[in-house]
Amino acid sequence: MIRSTANKVMWVGRATVFMVGLSVILALVLGVATTAMGANGKPFLLGKKNVASAISTLVKKGPGPALSLVVEANQPPLKVNSKAKVANLNADTVDGLEGASFVQGGGRASQGMAAVPAGTLATILETSNPNIKVGYKCPSNPANGGDLVVSSPGITEDMNVFIYMDSASFSYPFRLVRELFGPLGGGNLVSIQAPADGAHFTIQAQGANVATIEMFSFHRATDCHAQAQALVTRD
């Protein structure tokens, strides 16, 4: 009876050791296999970090996309860790806007506005390349007309500058500045009177680039308000 019980205990002990040993062996084997699967030439493991030292290429034959990424709502379908440009990766829209919605070529836009105190001159907007400074002079009595003031600081050569003014009182047709005032360069100033009841100016200057400036002015009881927007374009 005692011998039989002892034999059973020893059998259970050997079985336990065998199972533990088998578990360790399987863990080691499967662990190595799992790691190997993430290496070059092995299957891609879902839900795992896959590491390879060579580029991975997916080639799909026939029509249709080669890859489809489906995620839950409001989740990004892809995550990257670099801002480097990807060759041949084109975006159909930017913030929902098609390419035709943007200014073609290089360029920049700027804006300016000011409440100009009576009897003072304020710069409303300034562009660079071409260098054009647009200001407005508010008279001591805002009931009287003011002045659009245009200059080209730092420019020594002649520059083609066209100015147009339109108001409730009259329209000043497009004219080339140098036909009226001489060359605009070296910081020369051009001053065109504007009525108190409001005016709209269009100014276009041509240097290495082209600057188009739209400006509006209106006189209030104690000051003059002027605002402008400029677009500089280049090839």
C-alpha atoms as a PDB file:
ATOM      1  CA  MET A   1       0.000   0.000   0.000  1.00  0.00           C
ATOM      2  CA  ILE A   2       2.784   2.427   0.963  1.00  0.00           C
ATOM      3  CA  ARG A   3       4.866   1.390  -2.089  1.00  0.00           C
ATOM      4  CA  SER A   4       1.917   1.933  -4.431  1.00  0.00           C
ATOM      5  CA  THR A   5       1.290   5.402  -3.008  1.00  0.00           C
ATOM      6  CA  ALA A   6       4.982   6.301  -3.340  1.00  0.00           C
ATOM      7  CA  ASN A   7       5.010   5.165  -6.992  1.00  0.00           C
ATOM      8  CA  LYS A   8       2.030   7.361  -7.781  1.00  0.00           C
ATOM      9  CA  VAL A   9       3.654  10.357  -6.118  1.00  0.00           C
ATOM     10  CA  MET A  10       6.849   9.837  -8.110  1.00  0.00           C
ATOM     11  CA  TRP A  11       4.826   9.476 -11.350  1.00  0.00           C
ATOM     12  CA  VAL A  12       3.013  12.729 -10.645  1.00  0.00           C
ATOM     13  CA  GLY A  13       6.333  14.454  -9.916  1.00  0.00           C
ATOM     14  CA  ARG A  14       7.903  13.200 -13.149  1.00  0.00           C
ATOM     15  CA  ALA A  15       4.839  14.271 -15.127  1.00  0.00           C
ATOM     16  CA  THR A  16       4.958  17.729 -13.566  1.00  0.00           C
ATOM     17  CA  VAL A  17       8.644  18.144 -14.382  1.00  0.00           C
ATOM     18  CA  PHE A  18       8.000  16.980 -17.951  1.00  0.00           C
ATOM     19  CA  MET A  19       5.127  19.460 -18.445  1.00  0.00           C
ATOM     20  CA  VAL A  20       7.141  22.339 -17.015  1.00  0.00           C
ATOM     21  CA  GLY A  21      10.094  21.446 -19.204  1.00  0.00           C
ATOM     22  CA  LEU A  22       7.848  21.171 -22.287  1.00  0.00           C
ATOM     23  CA  SER A  23       6.302  24.545 -21.518  1.00  0.00           C
ATOM     24  CA  VAL A  24       9.716  26.174 -21.277  1.00  0.00           C
ATOM     25  CA  ILE A  25      10.865  24.567 -24.519  1.00  0.00           C
ATOM     26  CA  LEU A  26       7.704  25.616 -26.365  1.00  0.00           C
ATOM     27  CA  ALA A  27       8.016  29.165 -25.047  1.00  0.00           C
ATOM     28  CA  LEU A  28      11.598  29.371 -26.215  1.00  0.00           C
ATOM     29  CA  VAL A  29      10.852  27.852 -29.617  1.00  0.00           C
ATOM     30  CA  LEU A  30       7.737  29.927 -30.235  1.00  0.00           C
ATOM     31  CA  GLY A  31       9.467  33.045 -28.931  1.00  0.00           C
ATOM     32  CA  VAL A  32      12.339  32.578 -31.345  1.00  0.00           C
ATOM     33  CA  ALA A  33       9.913  31.827 -34.155  1.00  0.00           C
ATOM     34  CA  THR A  34       7.881  34.940 -33.374  1.00  0.00           C
ATOM     35  CA  THR A  35      10.996  37.093 -33.424  1.00  0.00           C
ATOM     36  CA  ALA A  36      12.159  35.485 -36.656  1.00  0.00           C
ATOM     37  CA  MET A  37       8.820  36.191 -38.313  1.00  0.00           C
ATOM     38  CA  GLY A  38       9.457  39.922 -37.860  1.00  0.00           C
ATOM     39  CA  ALA A  39      12.784  39.699 -39.719  1.00  0.00           C
ATOM     40  CA  ASN A  40      13.452  40.074 -43.447  1.00  0.00           C
ATOM     41  CA  GLY A  41      11.525  37.637 -45.635  1.00  0.00           C
ATOM     42  CA  LYS A  42       9.082  36.599 -42.923  1.00  0.00           C
ATOM     43  CA  PRO A  43       5.305  37.219 -42.723  1.00  0.00           C
ATOM     44  CA  PHE A  44       4.005  40.590 -41.528  1.00  0.00           C
ATOM     45  CA  LEU A  45       2.474  40.165 -38.073  1.00  0.00           C
ATOM     46  CA  LEU A  46      -0.721  42.080 -37.309  1.00  0.00           C
ATOM     47  CA  GLY A  47      -0.781  43.795 -33.936  1.00  0.00           C
ATOM     48  CA  LYS A  48       2.964  43.340 -33.567  1.00  0.00           C
ATOM     49  CA  LYS A  49       6.002  45.546 -34.108  1.00  0.00           C
ATOM     50  CA  ASN A  50       7.600  44.340 -37.322  1.00  0.00           C
ATOM     51  CA  VAL A  51      11.254  45.225 -37.807  1.00  0.00           C
ATOM     52  CA  ALA A  52      13.207  44.799 -41.041  1.00  0.00           C
ATOM     53  CA  SER A  53      16.496  46.132 -42.387  1.00  0.00           C
ATOM     54  CA  ALA A  54      15.347  46.096 -46.026  1.00  0.00           C
ATOM     55  CA  ILE A  55      12.533  47.959 -47.799  1.00  0.00           C
ATOM     56  CA  SER A  56       9.164  46.199 -47.990  1.00  0.00           C
ATOM     57  CA  THR A  57       7.314  46.379 -51.318  1.00  0.00           C
ATOM     58  CA  LEU A  58       3.689  45.512 -52.019  1.00  0.00           C
ATOM     59  CA  VAL A  59       2.944  44.705 -55.670  1.00  0.00           C
ATOM     60  CA  LYS A  60      -0.689  44.279 -56.661  1.00  0.00           C
ATOM     61  CA  LYS A  61      -1.636  42.975 -60.083  1.00  0.00           C
ATOM     62  CA  GLY A  62      -4.764  44.153 -61.865  1.00  0.00           C
ATOM     63  CA  PRO A  63      -6.957  47.223 -61.382  1.00  0.00           C
ATOM     64  CA  GLY A  64      -7.727  48.867 -58.073  1.00  0.00           C
ATOM     65  CA  PRO A  65      -5.607  50.133 -55.188  1.00  0.00           C
ATOM     66  CA  ALA A  66      -2.775  48.091 -53.712  1.00  0.00           C
ATOM     67  CA  LEU A  67      -3.618  48.965 -50.110  1.00  0.00           C
ATOM     68  CA  SER A  68      -6.789  49.803 -48.196  1.00  0.00           C
ATOM     69  CA  LEU A  69      -6.665  51.209 -44.664  1.00  0.00           C
ATOM     70  CA  VAL A  70      -9.999  51.178 -42.824  1.00  0.00           C
ATOM     71  CA  VAL A  71     -10.348  52.800 -39.400  1.00  0.00           C
ATOM     72  CA  GLU A  72     -13.055  53.878 -36.997  1.00  0.00           C
ATOM     73  CA  ALA A  73     -14.683  57.296 -37.438  1.00  0.00           C
ATOM     74  CA  ASN A  74     -12.411  60.312 -36.772  1.00  0.00           C
ATOM     75  CA  GLN A  75      -9.311  58.134 -36.555  1.00  0.00           C
ATOM     76  CA  PRO A  76      -6.239  58.717 -38.775  1.00  0.00           C
ATOM     77  CA  PRO A  77      -5.660  55.877 -41.250  1.00  0.00           C
ATOM     78  CA  LEU A  78      -1.883  56.307 -41.168  1.00  0.00           C
ATOM     79  CA  LYS A  79       0.817  57.582 -38.800  1.00  0.00           C
ATOM     80  CA  VAL A  80       4.344  58.626 -39.737  1.00  0.00           C
ATOM     81  CA  ASN A  81       7.305  59.994 -37.766  1.00  0.00           C
ATOM     82  CA  SER A  82       8.940  62.142 -40.464  1.00  0.00           C
ATOM     83  CA  LYS A  83       8.144  65.423 -42.247  1.00  0.00           C
ATOM     84  CA  ALA A  84      10.300  64.502 -45.248  1.00  0.00           C
ATOM     85  CA  LYS A  85       8.592  64.890 -48.637  1.00  0.00           C
ATOM     86  CA  VAL A  86       7.415  61.644 -50.218  1.00  0.00           C
ATOM     87  CA  ALA A  87       8.145  61.461 -53.945  1.00  0.00           C
ATOM     88  CA  ASN A  88       5.123  60.983 -56.234  1.00  0.00           C
ATOM     89  CA  LEU A  89       2.648  61.281 -53.344  1.00  0.00           C
ATOM     90  CA  ASN A  90       0.001  63.736 -54.538  1.00  0.00           C
ATOM     91  CA  ALA A  91      -2.853  65.275 -52.536  1.00  0.00           C
ATOM     92  CA  ASP A  92      -6.142  65.864 -54.338  1.00  0.00           C
ATOM     93  CA  THR A  93      -7.201  68.646 -51.960  1.00  0.00           C
ATOM     94  CA  VAL A  94      -5.760  70.771 -49.155  1.00  0.00           C
ATOM     95  CA  ASP A  95      -8.299  71.489 -46.406  1.00  0.00           C
ATOM     96  CA  GLY A  96     -10.985  70.533 -48.929  1.00  0.00           C
ATOM     97  CA  LEU A  97      -9.789  73.049 -51.546  1.00  0.00           C
ATOM     98  CA  GLU A  98      -8.840  72.061 -55.095  1.00  0.00           C
ATOM     99  CA  GLY A  99      -5.653  73.307 -56.719  1.00  0.00           C
ATOM    100  CA  ALA A 100      -7.571  75.927 -58.704  1.00  0.00           C
ATOM    101  CA  SER A 101      -8.507  77.610 -55.416  1.00  0.00           C
ATOM    102  CA  PHE A 102      -4.907  78.710 -54.806  1.00  0.00           C
ATOM    103  CA  VAL A 103      -2.702  81.330 -56.413  1.00  0.00           C
ATOM    104  CA  GLN A 104      -0.473  79.563 -58.909  1.00  0.00           C
ATOM    105  CA  GLY A 105       3.267  80.018 -58.596  1.00  0.00           C
ATOM    106  CA  GLY A 106       5.159  81.549 -55.716  1.00  0.00           C
ATOM    107  CA  GLY A 107       3.909  84.647 -53.954  1.00  0.00           C
ATOM    108  CA  ARG A 108       2.581  86.074 -50.751  1.00  0.00           C
ATOM    109  CA  ALA A 109      -0.384  88.053 -49.450  1.00  0.00           C
ATOM    110  CA  SER A 110      -0.478  90.740 -46.755  1.00  0.00           C
ATOM    111  CA  GLN A 111      -2.907  93.204 -45.262  1.00  0.00           C
ATOM    112  CA  GLY A 112      -2.959  96.360 -43.189  1.00  0.00           C
ATOM    113  CA  MET A 113      -5.422  98.790 -41.649  1.00  0.00           C
ATOM    114  CA  ALA A 114      -5.317 101.913 -39.508  1.00  0.00           C
ATOM    115  CA  ALA A 115      -7.459 104.589 -37.922  1.00  0.00           C
ATOM    116  CA  VAL A 116      -5.397 107.626 -38.934  1.00  0.00           C
ATOM    117  CA  PRO A 117      -5.710 110.575 -36.501  1.00  0.00           C
ATOM    118  CA  ALA A 118      -6.562 113.945 -38.018  1.00  0.00           C
ATOM    119  CA  GLY A 119      -3.515 115.818 -39.277  1.00  0.00           C
ATOM    120  CA  THR A 120      -1.229 112.763 -39.457  1.00  0.00           C
ATOM    121  CA  LEU A 121       0.199 110.357 -42.042  1.00  0.00           C
ATOM    122  CA  ALA A 122       0.135 106.605 -41.356  1.00  0.00           C
ATOM    123  CA  THR A 123       1.599 103.666 -43.265  1.00  0.00           C
ATOM    124  CA  ILE A 124      -1.182 101.233 -44.127  1.00  0.00           C
ATOM    125  CA  LEU A 125       0.771  98.515 -45.912  1.00  0.00           C
ATOM    126  CA  GLU A 126       4.264  97.793 -47.204  1.00  0.00           C
ATOM    127  CA  THR A 127       5.454  95.102 -49.630  1.00  0.00           C
ATOM    128  CA  SER A 128       8.931  93.872 -50.526  1.00  0.00           C
ATOM    129  CA  ASN A 129      10.319  92.931 -53.938  1.00  0.00           C
ATOM    130  CA  PRO A 130       8.890  95.169 -55.274  1.00  0.00           C
ATOM    131  CA  ASN A 131       9.257  97.609 -52.382  1.00  0.00           C
ATOM    132  CA  ILE A 132       6.056  99.619 -52.198  1.00  0.00           C
ATOM    133  CA  LYS A 133       4.848 101.593 -49.180  1.00  0.00           C
ATOM    134  CA  VAL A 134       1.235 102.771 -49.141  1.00  0.00           C
ATOM    135  CA  GLY A 135       0.108 105.345 -46.621  1.00  0.00           C
ATOM    136  CA  TYR A 136      -2.824 107.656 -45.991  1.00  0.00           C
ATOM    137  CA  LYS A 137      -2.698 111.302 -44.852  1.00  0.00           C
ATOM    138  CA  CYS A 138      -5.711 112.422 -42.871  1.00  0.00           C
ATOM    139  CA  PRO A 139      -6.332 116.204 -43.017  1.00  0.00           C
ATOM    140  CA  SER A 140      -6.577 118.342 -39.901  1.00  0.00           C
ATOM    141  CA  ASN A 141     -10.286 118.644 -40.668  1.00  0.00           C
ATOM    142  CA  PRO A 142     -11.526 115.171 -41.729  1.00  0.00           C
ATOM    143  CA  ALA A 143     -14.413 116.822 -43.569  1.00  0.00           C
ATOM    144  CA  ASN A 144     -11.849 117.767 -46.227  1.00  0.00           C
ATOM    145  CA  GLY A 145     -10.133 115.433 -48.674  1.00  0.00           C
ATOM    146  CA  GLY A 146      -7.170 113.285 -47.660  1.00  0.00           C
ATOM    147  CA  ASP A 147      -4.212 111.903 -49.616  1.00  0.00           C
ATOM    148  CA  LEU A 148      -3.066 108.507 -50.801  1.00  0.00           C
ATOM    149  CA  VAL A 149       0.726 108.453 -50.450  1.00  0.00           C
ATOM    150  CA  VAL A 150       2.807 105.889 -52.356  1.00  0.00           C
ATOM    151  CA  SER A 151       6.581 105.507 -52.178  1.00  0.00           C
ATOM    152  CA  SER A 152       9.239 102.945 -53.090  1.00  0.00           C
ATOM    153  CA  PRO A 153      11.853 102.968 -50.297  1.00  0.00           C
ATOM    154  CA  GLY A 154      15.232 101.565 -51.207  1.00  0.00           C
ATOM    155  CA  ILE A 155      14.510 101.402 -54.944  1.00  0.00           C
ATOM    156  CA  THR A 156      16.893 103.396 -57.141  1.00  0.00           C
ATOM    157  CA  GLU A 157      15.748 102.322 -60.608  1.00  0.00           C
ATOM    158  CA  ASP A 158      12.521 103.372 -62.324  1.00  0.00           C
ATOM    159  CA  MET A 159       9.526 101.194 -61.517  1.00  0.00           C
ATOM    160  CA  ASN A 160       6.285 100.805 -63.430  1.00  0.00           C
ATOM    161  CA  VAL A 161       3.477 101.775 -61.055  1.00  0.00           C
ATOM    162  CA  PHE A 162      -0.151 102.169 -62.082  1.00  0.00           C
ATOM    163  CA  ILE A 163      -2.728 103.827 -59.837  1.00  0.00           C
ATOM    164  CA  TYR A 164      -6.506 103.918 -60.194  1.00  0.00           C
ATOM    165  CA  MET A 165      -8.970 105.636 -57.884  1.00  0.00           C
ATOM    166  CA  ASP A 166     -12.741 105.364 -57.817  1.00  0.00           C
ATOM    167  CA  SER A 167     -15.148 107.180 -55.487  1.00  0.00           C
ATOM    168  CA  ALA A 168     -18.714 108.415 -55.264  1.00  0.00           C
ATOM    169  CA  SER A 169     -17.503 111.795 -56.525  1.00  0.00           C
ATOM    170  CA  PHE A 170     -15.335 110.867 -59.493  1.00  0.00           C
ATOM    171  CA  SER A 171     -13.028 108.267 -61.010  1.00  0.00           C
ATOM    172  CA  TYR A 172      -9.318 108.713 -61.564  1.00  0.00           C
ATOM    173  CA  PRO A 173      -8.383 106.487 -64.529  1.00  0.00           C
ATOM    174  CA  PHE A 174      -5.454 104.066 -64.551  1.00  0.00           C
ATOM    175  CA  ARG A 175      -2.319 106.078 -65.228  1.00  0.00           C
ATOM    176  CA  LEU A 176       1.345 105.213 -65.156  1.00  0.00           C
ATOM    177  CA  VAL A 177       2.870 107.126 -62.234  1.00  0.00           C
ATOM    178  CA  ARG A 178       5.956 108.344 -64.100  1.00  0.00           C
ATOM    179  CA  GLU A 179       3.746 109.912 -66.765  1.00  0.00           C
ATOM    180  CA  LEU A 180       2.255 112.145 -64.080  1.00  0.00           C
ATOM    181  CA  PHE A 181       4.918 112.596 -61.403  1.00  0.00           C
ATOM    182  CA  GLY A 182       8.168 111.329 -62.910  1.00  0.00           C
ATOM    183  CA  PRO A 183      10.072 108.120 -62.004  1.00  0.00           C
ATOM    184  CA  LEU A 184       9.074 106.399 -58.776  1.00  0.00           C
ATOM    185  CA  GLY A 185      12.354 105.304 -57.234  1.00  0.00           C
ATOM    186  CA  GLY A 186      14.815 106.168 -54.500  1.00  0.00           C
ATOM    187  CA  GLY A 187      12.000 106.679 -52.012  1.00  0.00           C
ATOM    188  CA  ASN A 188      10.160 109.256 -54.128  1.00  0.00           C
ATOM    189  CA  LEU A 189       6.619 110.013 -52.997  1.00  0.00           C
ATOM    190  CA  VAL A 190       3.435 110.168 -55.043  1.00  0.00           C
ATOM    191  CA  SER A 191       0.421 111.855 -53.465  1.00  0.00           C
ATOM    192  CA  ILE A 192      -3.095 111.656 -54.902  1.00  0.00           C
ATOM    193  CA  GLN A 193      -5.974 113.470 -53.238  1.00  0.00           C
ATOM    194  CA  ALA A 194      -8.908 111.349 -52.070  1.00  0.00           C
ATOM    195  CA  PRO A 195     -12.396 112.624 -51.229  1.00  0.00           C
ATOM    196  CA  ALA A 196     -13.698 112.442 -47.677  1.00  0.00           C
ATOM    197  CA  ASP A 197     -16.795 110.416 -48.598  1.00  0.00           C
ATOM    198  CA  GLY A 198     -14.733 107.352 -49.477  1.00  0.00           C
ATOM    199  CA  ALA A 199     -12.374 106.107 -52.153  1.00  0.00           C
ATOM    200  CA  HIS A 200     -11.120 102.845 -53.617  1.00  0.00           C
ATOM    201  CA  PHE A 201      -7.562 102.633 -54.920  1.00  0.00           C
ATOM    202  CA  THR A 202      -5.929  99.974 -57.060  1.00  0.00           C
ATOM    203  CA  ILE A 203      -2.144 100.131 -57.224  1.00  0.00           C
ATOM    204  CA  GLN A 204       0.005  97.797 -59.286  1.00  0.00           C
ATOM    205  CA  ALA A 205       3.799  97.935 -59.233  1.00  0.00           C
ATOM    206  CA  GLN A 206       6.085  95.932 -61.455  1.00  0.00           C
ATOM    207  CA  GLY A 207       9.623  95.137 -60.382  1.00  0.00           C
ATOM    208  CA  ALA A 208      11.196  91.675 -60.261  1.00  0.00           C
ATOM    209  CA  ASN A 209       7.707  90.572 -59.179  1.00  0.00           C
ATOM    210  CA  VAL A 210       4.277  92.180 -59.493  1.00  0.00           C
ATOM    211  CA  ALA A 211       2.446  93.654 -56.501  1.00  0.00           C
ATOM    212  CA  THR A 212      -1.268  94.446 -56.674  1.00  0.00           C
ATOM    213  CA  ILE A 213      -2.672  96.501 -53.793  1.00  0.00           C
ATOM    214  CA  GLU A 214      -6.328  97.285 -53.142  1.00  0.00           C
ATOM    215  CA  MET A 215      -7.000 100.041 -50.611  1.00  0.00           C
ATOM    216  CA  PHE A 216     -10.153 101.726 -49.296  1.00  0.00           C
ATOM    217  CA  SER A 217     -10.421 104.963 -47.318  1.00  0.00           C
ATOM    218  CA  PHE A 218     -13.208 106.840 -45.558  1.00  0.00           C
ATOM    219  CA  HIS A 219     -13.239 109.900 -43.302  1.00  0.00           C
ATOM    220  CA  ARG A 220     -15.016 109.858 -39.967  1.00  0.00           C
ATOM    221  CA  ALA A 221     -15.748 112.733 -37.593  1.00  0.00           C
ATOM    222  CA  THR A 222     -12.353 112.785 -35.891  1.00  0.00           C
ATOM    223  CA  ASP A 223     -10.116 110.501 -37.979  1.00  0.00           C
ATOM    224  CA  CYS A 224      -9.730 108.662 -41.286  1.00  0.00           C
ATOM    225  CA  HIS A 225     -10.011 104.912 -41.720  1.00  0.00           C
ATOM    226  CA  ALA A 226      -7.944 103.113 -44.346  1.00  0.00           C
ATOM    227  CA  GLN A 227      -7.400  99.441 -45.053  1.00  0.00           C
ATOM    228  CA  ALA A 228      -5.498  97.578 -47.746  1.00  0.00           C
ATOM    229  CA  GLN A 229      -4.651  94.126 -49.014  1.00  0.00           C
ATOM    230  CA  ALA A 230      -1.680  93.229 -51.211  1.00  0.00           C
ATOM    231  CA  LEU A 231      -0.844  90.240 -53.378  1.00  0.00           C
ATOM    232  CA  VAL A 232       2.704  89.791 -54.668  1.00  0.00           C
ATOM    233  CA  THR A 233       3.126  87.144 -57.358  1.00  0.00           C
ATOM    234  CA  ARG A 234       6.189  85.771 -59.136  1.00  0.00           C
ATOM    235  CA  ASP A 235       7.034  83.036 -61.609  1.00  0.00           C
END
